[in-house]
Protein backbone atom coordinates (compact mmCIF):
# COMPACT_ATOMS: atom_id res chain seq x y z
CA MET A 1 -0.16 -0.08 -0.01
CA ASP A 2 1.19 3.30 -1.02
CA ALA A 3 1.12 5.88 1.93
CA VAL A 4 -1.13 8.70 2.11
CA ALA A 5 -0.24 12.10 1.41
CA PHE A 6 -2.40 15.12 2.94
CA ASP A 7 -2.41 18.95 1.70
CA ARG A 8 -2.15 20.50 4.92
CA SER A 9 -2.79 23.26 3.38
CA LYS A 10 -6.31 23.16 2.77
CA PRO A 11 -8.92 24.35 5.68
CA LYS A 12 -9.04 21.61 8.57
CA PRO A 13 -12.22 20.40 7.60
CA GLU A 14 -11.24 19.38 4.06
CA LEU A 15 -7.82 17.70 6.20
CA TYR A 16 -10.04 16.09 8.14
CA GLY A 17 -13.03 14.73 5.50
CA ASP A 18 -9.83 13.49 3.47
CA ALA A 19 -8.29 11.82 6.36
CA ALA A 20 -11.60 9.71 7.82
CA LEU A 21 -12.20 9.20 4.02
CA ALA A 22 -8.41 7.98 4.13
CA VAL A 23 -9.28 5.56 6.93
CA THR A 24 -12.01 3.86 5.22
CA GLY A 25 -9.74 2.83 2.13
CA LEU A 26 -6.83 1.82 4.50
CA LEU A 27 -8.55 -0.09 6.56
CA ASP A 28 -11.29 -2.15 4.85
CA GLY A 29 -10.67 -5.62 4.58
CA GLU A 30 -7.41 -5.73 7.41
CA PRO A 31 -9.20 -7.69 10.26
CA ASP A 32 -6.44 -7.35 12.65
CA PRO A 33 -6.89 -4.29 15.39
CA ILE A 34 -3.82 -3.60 16.05
CA ALA A 35 -2.26 -2.76 12.79
CA ASN A 36 -5.68 -1.24 11.98
CA LEU A 37 -4.91 1.25 14.95
CA ALA A 38 -1.16 1.35 14.54
CA ASN A 39 -1.69 2.50 10.90
CA ALA A 40 -5.26 4.74 11.57
CA SER A 41 -2.59 6.61 14.07
CA ALA A 42 -0.27 6.48 11.21
CA LEU A 43 -2.45 8.44 9.46
CA LEU A 44 -3.27 11.18 11.67
CA ALA A 45 0.08 11.84 12.46
CA ALA A 46 0.97 12.49 8.34
CA ALA A 47 -2.20 14.33 8.28
CA LEU A 48 -2.10 17.22 11.05
CA ASP A 49 0.21 19.56 11.46
CA ARG A 50 2.35 20.75 15.16
CA ILE A 51 1.51 17.52 16.82
CA ASN A 52 4.01 15.69 18.95
CA TRP A 53 2.30 12.39 20.10
CA CYS A 54 -1.11 11.19 18.43
CA GLY A 55 -2.13 7.68 19.73
CA PHE A 56 -4.57 5.60 21.53
CA TYR A 57 -5.31 4.53 24.86
CA LEU A 58 -7.55 1.32 25.28
CA PHE A 59 -9.62 0.45 28.22
CA LYS A 60 -9.05 -2.69 29.54
CA ASP A 61 -9.18 -4.11 32.90
CA GLY A 62 -11.07 -0.94 34.23
CA GLU A 63 -8.03 1.28 33.24
CA LEU A 64 -6.37 2.65 29.81
CA VAL A 65 -3.71 0.83 28.09
CA LEU A 66 -1.34 2.42 25.68
CA GLY A 67 -2.33 0.89 22.34
CA PRO A 68 -0.47 2.25 19.14
CA PHE A 69 0.82 5.48 18.27
CA GLN A 70 3.25 7.79 16.86
CA GLY A 71 5.50 9.87 18.72
CA LYS A 72 8.09 9.93 22.07
CA THR A 73 7.30 6.61 25.06
CA ALA A 74 4.34 6.97 26.46
CA CYS A 75 2.97 6.97 29.95
CA VAL A 76 1.55 2.74 29.57
CA ARG A 77 -1.82 2.65 32.16
CA ILE A 78 -3.69 5.72 32.98
CA ALA A 79 -6.42 5.59 35.48
CA LEU A 80 -10.42 6.71 34.92
CA GLY A 81 -11.19 10.25 35.82
CA LYS A 82 -6.99 10.72 35.76
CA GLY A 83 -5.28 13.26 33.89
CA VAL A 84 -7.06 14.47 30.19
CA CYS A 85 -7.02 11.08 28.83
CA GLY A 86 -8.66 9.10 32.07
CA THR A 87 -11.35 12.57 32.33
CA ALA A 88 -12.67 12.23 28.91
CA ALA A 89 -12.98 8.38 28.77
CA ALA A 90 -14.81 8.84 32.54
CA ARG A 91 -16.60 11.81 31.21
CA ARG A 92 -17.28 10.33 27.72
CA GLU A 93 -17.26 13.34 25.94
CA THR A 94 -14.17 15.24 23.93
CA LEU A 95 -11.78 17.30 25.60
CA VAL A 96 -9.88 19.97 23.90
CA VAL A 97 -7.34 21.45 26.36
CA PRO A 98 -5.36 24.31 25.44
CA ASP A 99 -3.20 24.97 27.69
CA VAL A 100 -2.21 21.28 29.51
CA ASP A 101 -0.35 23.12 32.51
CA ALA A 102 -3.99 24.58 33.40
CA PHE A 103 -6.00 21.63 33.67
CA PRO A 104 -6.09 19.43 36.47
CA GLY A 105 -4.50 16.22 37.23
CA HIS A 106 -2.72 16.89 33.71
CA ILE A 107 0.03 13.91 33.62
CA ALA A 108 2.70 14.75 31.51
CA CYS A 109 4.01 12.69 29.34
CA ASP A 110 6.55 14.45 27.36
CA ALA A 111 7.30 17.94 28.69
CA ALA A 112 6.98 19.41 25.25
CA SER A 113 3.32 19.10 25.04
CA ARG A 114 1.23 22.05 25.75
CA SER A 115 -2.17 21.63 24.13
CA GLU A 116 -3.73 18.12 24.06
CA ILE A 117 -7.75 16.74 22.24
CA VAL A 118 -8.59 13.15 23.66
CA VAL A 119 -11.66 11.70 21.49
CA PRO A 120 -13.23 8.98 23.80
CA ILE A 121 -13.84 5.33 21.71
CA VAL A 122 -17.55 4.02 22.28
CA ASP A 123 -18.71 1.52 20.31
CA GLY A 124 -22.92 0.18 21.08
CA GLY A 125 -22.63 2.05 24.33
CA GLU A 126 -19.42 0.42 25.68
CA LEU A 127 -16.20 2.50 25.94
CA ARG A 128 -13.46 0.72 23.91
CA GLY A 129 -10.60 3.50 25.21
CA VAL A 130 -9.41 6.92 23.59
CA LEU A 131 -7.95 8.62 20.49
CA ASP A 132 -5.55 10.87 22.04
CA VAL A 133 -3.69 14.20 20.08
CA ASP A 134 -0.77 16.20 21.67
CA SER A 135 0.81 19.51 20.30
CA PRO A 136 3.74 21.45 21.48
CA ALA A 137 2.03 24.84 20.85
CA PRO A 138 -0.35 26.04 22.93
CA GLY A 139 -3.94 26.47 21.48
CA ARG A 140 -3.19 24.38 18.94
CA PHE A 141 -6.82 22.40 18.78
CA ASP A 142 -10.21 24.28 18.46
CA GLU A 143 -13.65 23.37 17.44
CA GLU A 144 -13.21 22.23 13.91
CA ASP A 145 -10.50 19.70 15.58
CA ARG A 146 -12.66 18.46 17.65
CA ARG A 147 -15.04 17.75 14.96
CA GLY A 148 -12.61 16.29 12.44
CA LEU A 149 -11.30 14.03 14.99
CA GLU A 150 -15.01 13.22 16.03
CA ALA A 151 -16.01 12.12 12.50
CA PHE A 152 -12.18 9.88 12.22
CA VAL A 153 -13.38 8.02 14.96
CA SER A 154 -16.95 7.30 14.10
CA GLU A 155 -15.01 6.42 10.56
CA LEU A 156 -12.10 3.86 12.86
CA VAL A 157 -15.34 2.16 15.10
CA PRO A 158 -16.57 -0.05 12.80
CA ARG A 159 -13.70 -1.36 11.44
CA ILE A 160 -12.18 -2.09 14.60
CA ASP A 161 -12.57 -6.36 16.02
CA TRP A 162 -13.14 -4.41 19.36
CA ARG A 163 -13.66 -8.31 20.68
CA ARG A 164 -10.18 -9.30 19.82
CA LEU A 165 -8.66 -5.81 21.92
CA GLY A 166 -9.79 -7.86 25.02
């Protein structure tokens, strides 16, 4: 499969539309959930500018466990309700954090991260994990990013066999 190229100069809604379309084509027909999540994180990392981490935490045994990602090494386990990821998962709502230092209980896996967006992954009413994207730029994420990443996750969810992740 050829690498997917993105025109980062496009307006965010178009860029996210391209990413959602690309993830559909990239994952269709592949049954392995880890391979699919790895490719999904690589695809987003290629599409988004000014980010330093992009990946998944999977909900296992009552906590979030590190899954496929692009970036520096990361925290392996996050309790529900802790940090941005655990809070977004517990609330089952997307969190856009313009300044991670101002977020109570922020977990600093990478000291370079200044802003963050976390989208919960829910399938059939069950929490499956979160998509986490960090940036070294303060205020990097906005409502267009929220809508775009939520749409991306909506395309991703039916293409992952969540039962195989345990």
